[in-house]
Amino acid sequence: MSSGSGKSTLLNFVGLLDRPTAGTVSICGQLTQGMADRALTQLRGHRIGFVFQYHHLLSAFTALENVLMPLLADAGTVNQQMVQRATDLLDQVGLHAYLAQPATQLSGGQQQRVALARALAMQPALLLADEPTGNLDTVSADAVFALLRDISRSAGMAVLFVTHNEALASRCDRTINVVDGLIVD
């Protein structure tokens, strides 16, 4: 998808950040039309994970603490089960050795893998990935993409992966091209 194609608008609708003026959005069989903002926020927080081009990690915190953030925001406190979940996710993305590493001391690829683990913390049914490999070198981009695919398949999770990278797009199970706000194929 090229810049200005409508990908951000599409992601904002699917991610329940914006409301469509026509049509409907259904997440996990739940129609979102007419839902109160609080209910949309709760649905988004529990059923949708977000990975962005810029990882948006909290620089004052470690890799483990960054992954714990959605769990803490949901429960108000952290328990040992949550710490174990976050540790397992960082293990899954190949960063067990970096649990206590401050986010600022991680490479770009490592930071993006922490962001992926954070997006998976709430066990979402849908993962929205907005150019998650756009700022990475080819090797790191390929590793993050392969990891996304593996996790998606093992967790039975749907992934909407937006990219300008045609080589990565060709490896997806399905591609949808958006031009000027319209799905063209």
N, C-alpha and C. Protein backbone atom coordinates (compact mmCIF):
# COMPACT_ATOMS: atom_id res chain seq x y z
N MET A 1 0.84 -1.18 0.00
CA MET A 1 0.00 0.00 0.00
C MET A 1 0.88 1.23 0.00
N SER A 2 0.57 2.15 -0.85
CA SER A 2 1.35 3.38 -0.90
C SER A 2 0.84 4.37 0.14
N SER A 3 1.66 5.38 0.42
CA SER A 3 1.24 6.42 1.36
C SER A 3 0.00 7.11 0.82
N GLY A 4 -0.94 7.42 1.72
CA GLY A 4 -2.16 8.08 1.30
C GLY A 4 -3.20 7.15 0.73
N SER A 5 -2.96 5.85 0.82
CA SER A 5 -3.88 4.88 0.21
C SER A 5 -5.12 4.63 1.06
N GLY A 6 -5.04 4.94 2.34
CA GLY A 6 -6.17 4.69 3.23
C GLY A 6 -5.87 3.63 4.28
N LYS A 7 -4.62 3.18 4.37
CA LYS A 7 -4.30 2.12 5.31
C LYS A 7 -4.50 2.55 6.76
N SER A 8 -4.13 3.77 7.10
CA SER A 8 -4.31 4.24 8.48
C SER A 8 -5.79 4.32 8.83
N THR A 9 -6.59 4.78 7.90
CA THR A 9 -8.04 4.85 8.12
C THR A 9 -8.60 3.45 8.32
N LEU A 10 -8.19 2.52 7.46
CA LEU A 10 -8.64 1.13 7.59
C LEU A 10 -8.26 0.57 8.95
N LEU A 11 -7.00 0.75 9.35
CA LEU A 11 -6.56 0.24 10.65
C LEU A 11 -7.29 0.91 11.81
N ASN A 12 -7.58 2.19 11.68
CA ASN A 12 -8.32 2.89 12.73
C ASN A 12 -9.74 2.35 12.88
N PHE A 13 -10.37 1.99 11.77
CA PHE A 13 -11.71 1.39 11.85
C PHE A 13 -11.65 -0.01 12.44
N VAL A 14 -10.77 -0.84 11.91
CA VAL A 14 -10.66 -2.22 12.38
C VAL A 14 -10.20 -2.25 13.84
N GLY A 15 -9.32 -1.31 14.21
CA GLY A 15 -8.82 -1.25 15.58
C GLY A 15 -9.72 -0.53 16.55
N LEU A 16 -10.90 -0.13 16.09
CA LEU A 16 -11.91 0.53 16.91
C LEU A 16 -11.45 1.87 17.47
N LEU A 17 -10.54 2.51 16.75
CA LEU A 17 -10.09 3.84 17.15
C LEU A 17 -10.97 4.92 16.55
N ASP A 18 -11.53 4.65 15.38
CA ASP A 18 -12.48 5.54 14.72
C ASP A 18 -13.75 4.77 14.43
N ARG A 19 -14.84 5.50 14.32
CA ARG A 19 -16.13 4.87 13.98
C ARG A 19 -16.47 5.18 12.52
N PRO A 20 -16.87 4.18 11.78
CA PRO A 20 -17.24 4.43 10.38
C PRO A 20 -18.54 5.21 10.29
N THR A 21 -18.67 6.02 9.23
CA THR A 21 -19.92 6.77 9.02
C THR A 21 -20.94 5.90 8.31
N ALA A 22 -20.48 4.80 7.72
CA ALA A 22 -21.38 3.84 7.06
C ALA A 22 -20.77 2.46 7.23
N GLY A 23 -21.61 1.46 7.15
CA GLY A 23 -21.13 0.09 7.30
C GLY A 23 -20.97 -0.29 8.76
N THR A 24 -20.47 -1.48 8.99
CA THR A 24 -20.33 -1.97 10.35
C THR A 24 -18.97 -2.63 10.54
N VAL A 25 -18.57 -2.70 11.79
CA VAL A 25 -17.36 -3.40 12.18
C VAL A 25 -17.76 -4.41 13.25
N SER A 26 -17.35 -5.65 13.05
CA SER A 26 -17.63 -6.71 14.00
C SER A 26 -16.31 -7.34 14.41
N ILE A 27 -16.07 -7.44 15.70
CA ILE A 27 -14.84 -8.04 16.23
C ILE A 27 -15.24 -9.27 17.04
N CYS A 28 -14.73 -10.41 16.61
CA CYS A 28 -15.01 -11.68 17.29
C CYS A 28 -16.52 -11.90 17.41
N GLY A 29 -17.24 -11.56 16.35
CA GLY A 29 -18.68 -11.76 16.32
C GLY A 29 -19.47 -10.70 17.06
N GLN A 30 -18.80 -9.73 17.61
CA GLN A 30 -19.49 -8.68 18.37
C GLN A 30 -19.59 -7.43 17.51
N LEU A 31 -20.82 -7.05 17.20
CA LEU A 31 -21.08 -5.85 16.41
C LEU A 31 -20.74 -4.63 17.26
N THR A 32 -19.93 -3.72 16.71
CA THR A 32 -19.47 -2.57 17.49
C THR A 32 -20.30 -1.32 17.30
N GLN A 33 -21.17 -1.34 16.32
CA GLN A 33 -22.02 -0.17 16.05
C GLN A 33 -22.87 0.13 17.28
N GLY A 34 -22.84 1.38 17.73
CA GLY A 34 -23.65 1.80 18.86
C GLY A 34 -23.04 1.51 20.22
N MET A 35 -21.87 0.86 20.25
CA MET A 35 -21.24 0.58 21.55
C MET A 35 -20.72 1.88 22.16
N ALA A 36 -20.81 1.98 23.46
CA ALA A 36 -20.27 3.14 24.18
C ALA A 36 -18.75 3.11 24.10
N ASP A 37 -18.14 4.28 24.24
CA ASP A 37 -16.68 4.38 24.16
C ASP A 37 -15.98 3.45 25.15
N ARG A 38 -16.49 3.36 26.35
CA ARG A 38 -15.88 2.49 27.37
C ARG A 38 -15.92 1.03 26.94
N ALA A 39 -17.02 0.60 26.36
CA ALA A 39 -17.14 -0.78 25.89
C ALA A 39 -16.20 -1.04 24.71
N LEU A 40 -16.08 -0.06 23.82
CA LEU A 40 -15.13 -0.19 22.70
C LEU A 40 -13.69 -0.29 23.21
N THR A 41 -13.36 0.52 24.20
CA THR A 41 -12.02 0.50 24.78
C THR A 41 -11.73 -0.86 25.40
N GLN A 42 -12.70 -1.40 26.10
CA GLN A 42 -12.51 -2.71 26.74
C GLN A 42 -12.37 -3.81 25.68
N LEU A 43 -13.20 -3.77 24.65
CA LEU A 43 -13.11 -4.76 23.57
C LEU A 43 -11.75 -4.65 22.88
N ARG A 44 -11.33 -3.44 22.58
CA ARG A 44 -10.04 -3.21 21.93
C ARG A 44 -8.91 -3.74 22.81
N GLY A 45 -8.96 -3.44 24.09
CA GLY A 45 -7.90 -3.85 25.00
C GLY A 45 -7.78 -5.36 25.19
N HIS A 46 -8.91 -6.05 25.09
CA HIS A 46 -8.89 -7.49 25.31
C HIS A 46 -8.80 -8.32 24.04
N ARG A 47 -9.23 -7.81 22.92
CA ARG A 47 -9.32 -8.63 21.72
C ARG A 47 -8.40 -8.22 20.57
N ILE A 48 -7.79 -7.01 20.67
CA ILE A 48 -6.97 -6.51 19.57
C ILE A 48 -5.60 -6.11 20.10
N GLY A 49 -4.57 -6.61 19.43
CA GLY A 49 -3.20 -6.19 19.74
C GLY A 49 -2.70 -5.29 18.63
N PHE A 50 -1.85 -4.35 18.96
CA PHE A 50 -1.32 -3.40 17.99
C PHE A 50 0.21 -3.45 17.98
N VAL A 51 0.78 -3.53 16.78
CA VAL A 51 2.22 -3.39 16.59
C VAL A 51 2.39 -2.32 15.52
N PHE A 52 3.16 -1.29 15.84
CA PHE A 52 3.32 -0.16 14.95
C PHE A 52 4.71 -0.13 14.33
N GLN A 53 4.88 0.71 13.33
CA GLN A 53 6.18 0.87 12.69
C GLN A 53 7.20 1.36 13.71
N TYR A 54 6.81 2.30 14.53
CA TYR A 54 7.65 2.79 15.61
C TYR A 54 7.15 2.08 16.86
N HIS A 55 7.99 1.32 17.48
CA HIS A 55 7.61 0.38 18.54
C HIS A 55 6.92 1.01 19.73
N HIS A 56 7.11 2.29 19.99
CA HIS A 56 6.46 3.00 21.10
C HIS A 56 6.69 2.33 22.46
N LEU A 57 7.90 1.84 22.69
CA LEU A 57 8.23 1.30 24.00
C LEU A 57 8.44 2.44 24.97
N LEU A 58 8.23 2.17 26.23
CA LEU A 58 8.47 3.17 27.27
C LEU A 58 9.94 3.08 27.64
N SER A 59 10.69 4.11 27.30
CA SER A 59 12.15 4.06 27.41
C SER A 59 12.67 3.92 28.83
N ALA A 60 11.91 4.33 29.82
CA ALA A 60 12.36 4.24 31.21
C ALA A 60 12.21 2.84 31.79
N PHE A 61 11.63 1.91 31.00
CA PHE A 61 11.34 0.59 31.51
C PHE A 61 12.11 -0.49 30.76
N THR A 62 12.22 -1.64 31.41
CA THR A 62 12.90 -2.79 30.81
C THR A 62 12.00 -3.47 29.79
N ALA A 63 12.56 -4.42 29.07
CA ALA A 63 11.78 -5.21 28.12
C ALA A 63 10.62 -5.89 28.84
N LEU A 64 10.90 -6.52 29.98
CA LEU A 64 9.85 -7.21 30.74
C LEU A 64 8.76 -6.24 31.19
N GLU A 65 9.15 -5.10 31.71
CA GLU A 65 8.17 -4.12 32.18
C GLU A 65 7.31 -3.59 31.04
N ASN A 66 7.89 -3.41 29.85
CA ASN A 66 7.12 -2.96 28.70
C ASN A 66 6.06 -3.99 28.31
N VAL A 67 6.41 -5.27 28.37
CA VAL A 67 5.44 -6.32 28.03
C VAL A 67 4.36 -6.42 29.10
N LEU A 68 4.70 -6.12 30.32
CA LEU A 68 3.73 -6.17 31.42
C LEU A 68 2.71 -5.03 31.38
N MET A 69 3.00 -3.95 30.68
CA MET A 69 2.15 -2.75 30.72
C MET A 69 0.67 -3.02 30.41
N PRO A 70 0.31 -3.74 29.33
CA PRO A 70 -1.11 -3.95 29.08
C PRO A 70 -1.79 -4.77 30.19
N LEU A 71 -1.06 -5.71 30.76
CA LEU A 71 -1.60 -6.53 31.84
C LEU A 71 -1.82 -5.68 33.09
N LEU A 72 -0.87 -4.82 33.37
CA LEU A 72 -0.98 -3.91 34.51
C LEU A 72 -2.13 -2.93 34.31
N ALA A 73 -2.24 -2.39 33.10
CA ALA A 73 -3.33 -1.44 32.81
C ALA A 73 -4.69 -2.10 32.98
N ASP A 74 -4.79 -3.37 32.63
CA ASP A 74 -6.06 -4.08 32.74
C ASP A 74 -6.40 -4.46 34.18
N ALA A 75 -5.42 -4.96 34.92
CA ALA A 75 -5.69 -5.49 36.26
C ALA A 75 -5.42 -4.49 37.38
N GLY A 76 -4.59 -3.48 37.12
CA GLY A 76 -4.27 -2.50 38.16
C GLY A 76 -3.10 -2.90 39.04
N THR A 77 -2.70 -4.14 38.96
CA THR A 77 -1.56 -4.64 39.72
C THR A 77 -0.97 -5.82 38.97
N VAL A 78 0.28 -6.12 39.25
CA VAL A 78 0.95 -7.23 38.58
C VAL A 78 1.11 -8.38 39.56
N ASN A 79 0.82 -9.59 39.09
CA ASN A 79 1.04 -10.77 39.92
C ASN A 79 2.05 -11.70 39.23
N GLN A 80 2.42 -12.77 39.90
CA GLN A 80 3.43 -13.68 39.39
C GLN A 80 3.00 -14.34 38.08
N GLN A 81 1.72 -14.62 37.93
CA GLN A 81 1.22 -15.22 36.69
C GLN A 81 1.44 -14.28 35.50
N MET A 82 1.24 -12.99 35.72
CA MET A 82 1.46 -12.00 34.66
C MET A 82 2.95 -11.91 34.31
N VAL A 83 3.80 -11.92 35.32
CA VAL A 83 5.24 -11.87 35.09
C VAL A 83 5.65 -13.10 34.28
N GLN A 84 5.09 -14.26 34.63
CA GLN A 84 5.42 -15.48 33.89
C GLN A 84 4.94 -15.39 32.45
N ARG A 85 3.76 -14.85 32.22
CA ARG A 85 3.24 -14.68 30.85
C ARG A 85 4.17 -13.76 30.05
N ALA A 86 4.55 -12.64 30.62
CA ALA A 86 5.43 -11.70 29.92
C ALA A 86 6.79 -12.34 29.66
N THR A 87 7.31 -13.08 30.61
CA THR A 87 8.58 -13.78 30.44
C THR A 87 8.48 -14.80 29.32
N ASP A 88 7.39 -15.56 29.31
CA ASP A 88 7.18 -16.57 28.25
C ASP A 88 7.10 -15.91 26.88
N LEU A 89 6.42 -14.77 26.79
CA LEU A 89 6.32 -14.07 25.50
C LEU A 89 7.69 -13.58 25.03
N LEU A 90 8.47 -13.04 25.95
CA LEU A 90 9.81 -12.59 25.56
C LEU A 90 10.68 -13.78 25.16
N ASP A 91 10.47 -14.91 25.81
CA ASP A 91 11.13 -16.16 25.40
C ASP A 91 10.74 -16.51 23.97
N GLN A 92 9.45 -16.44 23.71
CA GLN A 92 8.90 -16.80 22.40
C GLN A 92 9.46 -15.94 21.27
N VAL A 93 9.75 -14.68 21.57
CA VAL A 93 10.30 -13.79 20.54
C VAL A 93 11.83 -13.75 20.59
N GLY A 94 12.42 -14.67 21.36
CA GLY A 94 13.87 -14.81 21.38
C GLY A 94 14.62 -13.79 22.21
N LEU A 95 13.96 -13.24 23.23
CA LEU A 95 14.61 -12.19 24.02
C LEU A 95 14.71 -12.51 25.51
N HIS A 96 14.75 -13.79 25.86
CA HIS A 96 14.83 -14.15 27.28
C HIS A 96 16.05 -13.51 27.95
N ALA A 97 17.14 -13.44 27.25
CA ALA A 97 18.37 -12.89 27.81
C ALA A 97 18.29 -11.37 28.04
N TYR A 98 17.23 -10.75 27.54
CA TYR A 98 17.12 -9.29 27.61
C TYR A 98 15.98 -8.82 28.52
N LEU A 99 15.45 -9.68 29.35
CA LEU A 99 14.31 -9.33 30.21
C LEU A 99 14.55 -8.04 30.99
N ALA A 100 15.71 -7.90 31.59
CA ALA A 100 16.00 -6.76 32.45
C ALA A 100 16.68 -5.61 31.71
N GLN A 101 16.82 -5.75 30.40
CA GLN A 101 17.50 -4.73 29.59
C GLN A 101 16.58 -3.52 29.40
N PRO A 102 17.06 -2.33 29.68
CA PRO A 102 16.25 -1.14 29.39
C PRO A 102 15.95 -1.06 27.89
N ALA A 103 14.77 -0.61 27.56
CA ALA A 103 14.34 -0.54 26.16
C ALA A 103 15.32 0.26 25.30
N THR A 104 15.91 1.29 25.87
CA THR A 104 16.84 2.14 25.11
C THR A 104 18.14 1.43 24.76
N GLN A 105 18.41 0.30 25.40
CA GLN A 105 19.66 -0.42 25.13
C GLN A 105 19.45 -1.62 24.21
N LEU A 106 18.30 -1.70 23.59
CA LEU A 106 18.00 -2.78 22.66
C LEU A 106 18.15 -2.28 21.23
N SER A 107 18.49 -3.17 20.32
CA SER A 107 18.56 -2.81 18.90
C SER A 107 17.15 -2.58 18.38
N GLY A 108 17.03 -2.03 17.18
CA GLY A 108 15.72 -1.78 16.57
C GLY A 108 14.92 -3.07 16.41
N GLY A 109 15.56 -4.13 15.96
CA GLY A 109 14.87 -5.41 15.81
C GLY A 109 14.42 -5.98 17.14
N GLN A 110 15.26 -5.83 18.17
CA GLN A 110 14.90 -6.31 19.50
C GLN A 110 13.73 -5.49 20.06
N GLN A 111 13.77 -4.19 19.86
CA GLN A 111 12.68 -3.34 20.33
C GLN A 111 11.37 -3.73 19.65
N GLN A 112 11.42 -4.04 18.36
CA GLN A 112 10.19 -4.41 17.65
C GLN A 112 9.68 -5.76 18.15
N ARG A 113 10.58 -6.67 18.53
CA ARG A 113 10.14 -7.95 19.09
C ARG A 113 9.54 -7.76 20.48
N VAL A 114 10.05 -6.81 21.26
CA VAL A 114 9.42 -6.48 22.55
C VAL A 114 8.02 -5.93 22.30
N ALA A 115 7.88 -5.07 21.30
CA ALA A 115 6.57 -4.50 20.95
C ALA A 115 5.60 -5.61 20.54
N LEU A 116 6.10 -6.60 19.81
CA LEU A 116 5.25 -7.73 19.43
C LEU A 116 4.82 -8.52 20.66
N ALA A 117 5.74 -8.80 21.55
CA ALA A 117 5.40 -9.51 22.78
C ALA A 117 4.37 -8.72 23.58
N ARG A 118 4.54 -7.41 23.66
CA ARG A 118 3.58 -6.56 24.38
C ARG A 118 2.19 -6.64 23.74
N ALA A 119 2.15 -6.64 22.41
CA ALA A 119 0.86 -6.72 21.70
C ALA A 119 0.17 -8.05 21.95
N LEU A 120 0.93 -9.07 22.28
CA LEU A 120 0.37 -10.40 22.51
C LEU A 120 0.01 -10.65 23.97
N ALA A 121 0.36 -9.75 24.86
CA ALA A 121 0.20 -9.96 26.29
C ALA A 121 -1.23 -10.29 26.69
N MET A 122 -2.21 -9.66 26.07
CA MET A 122 -3.61 -9.88 26.43
C MET A 122 -4.25 -11.03 25.63
N GLN A 123 -3.45 -11.77 24.90
CA GLN A 123 -3.92 -12.89 24.08
C GLN A 123 -5.03 -12.45 23.12
N PRO A 124 -4.72 -11.47 22.26
CA PRO A 124 -5.75 -10.95 21.36
C PRO A 124 -6.17 -11.96 20.29
N ALA A 125 -7.35 -11.81 19.81
CA ALA A 125 -7.84 -12.63 18.69
C ALA A 125 -7.36 -12.04 17.37
N LEU A 126 -7.06 -10.74 17.38
CA LEU A 126 -6.66 -10.01 16.17
C LEU A 126 -5.44 -9.17 16.49
N LEU A 127 -4.45 -9.25 15.62
CA LEU A 127 -3.26 -8.43 15.75
C LEU A 127 -3.19 -7.51 14.54
N LEU A 128 -3.13 -6.21 14.79
CA LEU A 128 -2.98 -5.22 13.73
C LEU A 128 -1.52 -4.79 13.71
N ALA A 129 -0.88 -4.99 12.58
CA ALA A 129 0.54 -4.68 12.44
C ALA A 129 0.70 -3.63 11.35
N ASP A 130 1.02 -2.41 11.76
CA ASP A 130 1.14 -1.28 10.84
C ASP A 130 2.61 -1.04 10.51
N GLU A 131 3.06 -1.55 9.38
CA GLU A 131 4.45 -1.41 8.94
C GLU A 131 5.44 -1.81 10.03
N PRO A 132 5.25 -2.96 10.68
CA PRO A 132 6.11 -3.31 11.81
C PRO A 132 7.56 -3.59 11.42
N THR A 133 7.82 -3.74 10.13
CA THR A 133 9.19 -4.00 9.68
C THR A 133 9.76 -2.81 8.91
N GLY A 134 9.01 -1.73 8.82
CA GLY A 134 9.39 -0.60 7.98
C GLY A 134 10.68 0.09 8.37
N ASN A 135 11.05 0.05 9.65
CA ASN A 135 12.27 0.73 10.10
C ASN A 135 13.41 -0.24 10.38
N LEU A 136 13.27 -1.48 9.89
CA LEU A 136 14.27 -2.50 10.19
C LEU A 136 15.09 -2.84 8.95
N ASP A 137 16.29 -3.31 9.19
CA ASP A 137 17.11 -3.80 8.08
C ASP A 137 16.46 -5.09 7.55
N THR A 138 16.90 -5.54 6.41
CA THR A 138 16.28 -6.69 5.73
C THR A 138 16.28 -7.94 6.60
N VAL A 139 17.39 -8.23 7.25
CA VAL A 139 17.49 -9.44 8.08
C VAL A 139 16.54 -9.35 9.27
N SER A 140 16.53 -8.20 9.97
CA SER A 140 15.63 -8.02 11.12
C SER A 140 14.18 -8.03 10.68
N ALA A 141 13.88 -7.40 9.55
CA ALA A 141 12.50 -7.38 9.03
C ALA A 141 12.02 -8.78 8.74
N ASP A 142 12.88 -9.58 8.11
CA ASP A 142 12.51 -10.96 7.79
C ASP A 142 12.27 -11.77 9.07
N ALA A 143 13.12 -11.56 10.08
CA ALA A 143 12.97 -12.28 11.34
C ALA A 143 11.67 -11.89 12.05
N VAL A 144 11.34 -10.60 12.08
CA VAL A 144 10.11 -10.15 12.73
C VAL A 144 8.89 -10.68 11.98
N PHE A 145 8.94 -10.66 10.65
CA PHE A 145 7.83 -11.17 9.84
C PHE A 145 7.63 -12.67 10.09
N ALA A 146 8.71 -13.43 10.07
CA ALA A 146 8.62 -14.88 10.29
C ALA A 146 8.07 -15.17 11.68
N LEU A 147 8.49 -14.40 12.66
CA LEU A 147 8.01 -14.57 14.02
C LEU A 147 6.51 -14.27 14.10
N LEU A 148 6.08 -13.21 13.44
CA LEU A 148 4.66 -12.85 13.40
C LEU A 148 3.83 -14.00 12.80
N ARG A 149 4.31 -14.55 11.70
CA ARG A 149 3.60 -15.66 11.06
C ARG A 149 3.52 -16.87 11.97
N ASP A 150 4.64 -17.23 12.58
CA ASP A 150 4.67 -18.40 13.46
C ASP A 150 3.72 -18.24 14.64
N ILE A 151 3.78 -17.07 15.27
CA ILE A 151 2.92 -16.82 16.44
C ILE A 151 1.46 -16.80 16.02
N SER A 152 1.17 -16.20 14.90
CA SER A 152 -0.20 -16.14 14.40
C SER A 152 -0.76 -17.55 14.20
N ARG A 153 0.02 -18.38 13.58
CA ARG A 153 -0.44 -19.75 13.30
C ARG A 153 -0.56 -20.58 14.56
N SER A 154 0.41 -20.48 15.46
CA SER A 154 0.36 -21.29 16.67
C SER A 154 -0.75 -20.84 17.62
N ALA A 155 -1.05 -19.54 17.63
CA ALA A 155 -2.08 -19.01 18.52
C ALA A 155 -3.46 -18.98 17.88
N GLY A 156 -3.54 -19.28 16.57
CA GLY A 156 -4.82 -19.19 15.88
C GLY A 156 -5.35 -17.78 15.85
N MET A 157 -4.46 -16.84 15.71
CA MET A 157 -4.79 -15.42 15.77
C MET A 157 -4.77 -14.82 14.37
N ALA A 158 -5.75 -13.99 14.08
CA ALA A 158 -5.78 -13.28 12.79
C ALA A 158 -4.81 -12.11 12.86
N VAL A 159 -4.13 -11.85 11.75
CA VAL A 159 -3.19 -10.73 11.68
C VAL A 159 -3.53 -9.90 10.44
N LEU A 160 -3.68 -8.62 10.65
CA LEU A 160 -3.80 -7.67 9.53
C LEU A 160 -2.46 -6.94 9.48
N PHE A 161 -1.66 -7.30 8.49
CA PHE A 161 -0.29 -6.82 8.35
C PHE A 161 -0.25 -5.82 7.20
N VAL A 162 0.03 -4.57 7.51
CA VAL A 162 0.08 -3.53 6.49
C VAL A 162 1.55 -3.27 6.17
N THR A 163 1.87 -3.30 4.87
CA THR A 163 3.25 -3.08 4.47
C THR A 163 3.34 -2.50 3.08
N HIS A 164 4.44 -1.79 2.85
CA HIS A 164 4.79 -1.34 1.51
C HIS A 164 5.74 -2.34 0.86
N ASN A 165 6.25 -3.27 1.64
CA ASN A 165 7.25 -4.23 1.20
C ASN A 165 6.58 -5.36 0.43
N GLU A 166 6.70 -5.33 -0.88
CA GLU A 166 6.03 -6.33 -1.72
C GLU A 166 6.59 -7.73 -1.52
N ALA A 167 7.87 -7.83 -1.18
CA ALA A 167 8.46 -9.15 -0.93
C ALA A 167 7.81 -9.80 0.30
N LEU A 168 7.59 -9.03 1.36
CA LEU A 168 6.91 -9.57 2.53
C LEU A 168 5.44 -9.83 2.24
N ALA A 169 4.80 -8.92 1.55
CA ALA A 169 3.38 -9.09 1.22
C ALA A 169 3.15 -10.37 0.43
N SER A 170 4.08 -10.70 -0.45
CA SER A 170 3.92 -11.92 -1.27
C SER A 170 3.98 -13.18 -0.44
N ARG A 171 4.50 -13.09 0.79
CA ARG A 171 4.59 -14.26 1.67
C ARG A 171 3.36 -14.41 2.57
N CYS A 172 2.43 -13.47 2.49
CA CYS A 172 1.21 -13.53 3.30
C CYS A 172 0.23 -14.53 2.69
N ASP A 173 -0.65 -15.07 3.53
CA ASP A 173 -1.67 -16.01 3.05
C ASP A 173 -2.64 -15.34 2.10
N ARG A 174 -2.89 -14.08 2.33
CA ARG A 174 -3.83 -13.33 1.50
C ARG A 174 -3.37 -11.88 1.43
N THR A 175 -3.46 -11.27 0.26
CA THR A 175 -3.11 -9.86 0.14
C THR A 175 -4.31 -9.08 -0.38
N ILE A 176 -4.43 -7.89 0.13
CA ILE A 176 -5.48 -6.97 -0.28
C ILE A 176 -4.79 -5.66 -0.63
N ASN A 177 -5.02 -5.17 -1.81
CA ASN A 177 -4.42 -3.91 -2.22
C ASN A 177 -5.43 -2.79 -2.08
N VAL A 178 -4.97 -1.70 -1.45
CA VAL A 178 -5.82 -0.53 -1.24
C VAL A 178 -5.17 0.64 -1.99
N VAL A 179 -5.96 1.29 -2.83
CA VAL A 179 -5.49 2.45 -3.59
C VAL A 179 -6.53 3.55 -3.43
N ASP A 180 -6.08 4.71 -3.00
CA ASP A 180 -6.97 5.87 -2.85
C ASP A 180 -8.21 5.55 -2.04
N GLY A 181 -8.01 4.77 -0.97
CA GLY A 181 -9.12 4.45 -0.06
C GLY A 181 -10.03 3.35 -0.53
N LEU A 182 -9.72 2.72 -1.65
CA LEU A 182 -10.58 1.64 -2.18
C LEU A 182 -9.80 0.34 -2.27
N ILE A 183 -10.46 -0.74 -1.93
CA ILE A 183 -9.87 -2.06 -2.11
C ILE A 183 -9.95 -2.39 -3.59
N VAL A 184 -8.79 -2.58 -4.23
CA VAL A 184 -8.76 -2.81 -5.67
C VAL A 184 -8.60 -4.28 -6.03
N ASP A 185 -8.03 -5.07 -5.15
CA ASP A 185 -7.97 -6.53 -5.35
C ASP A 185 -7.50 -7.22 -4.11
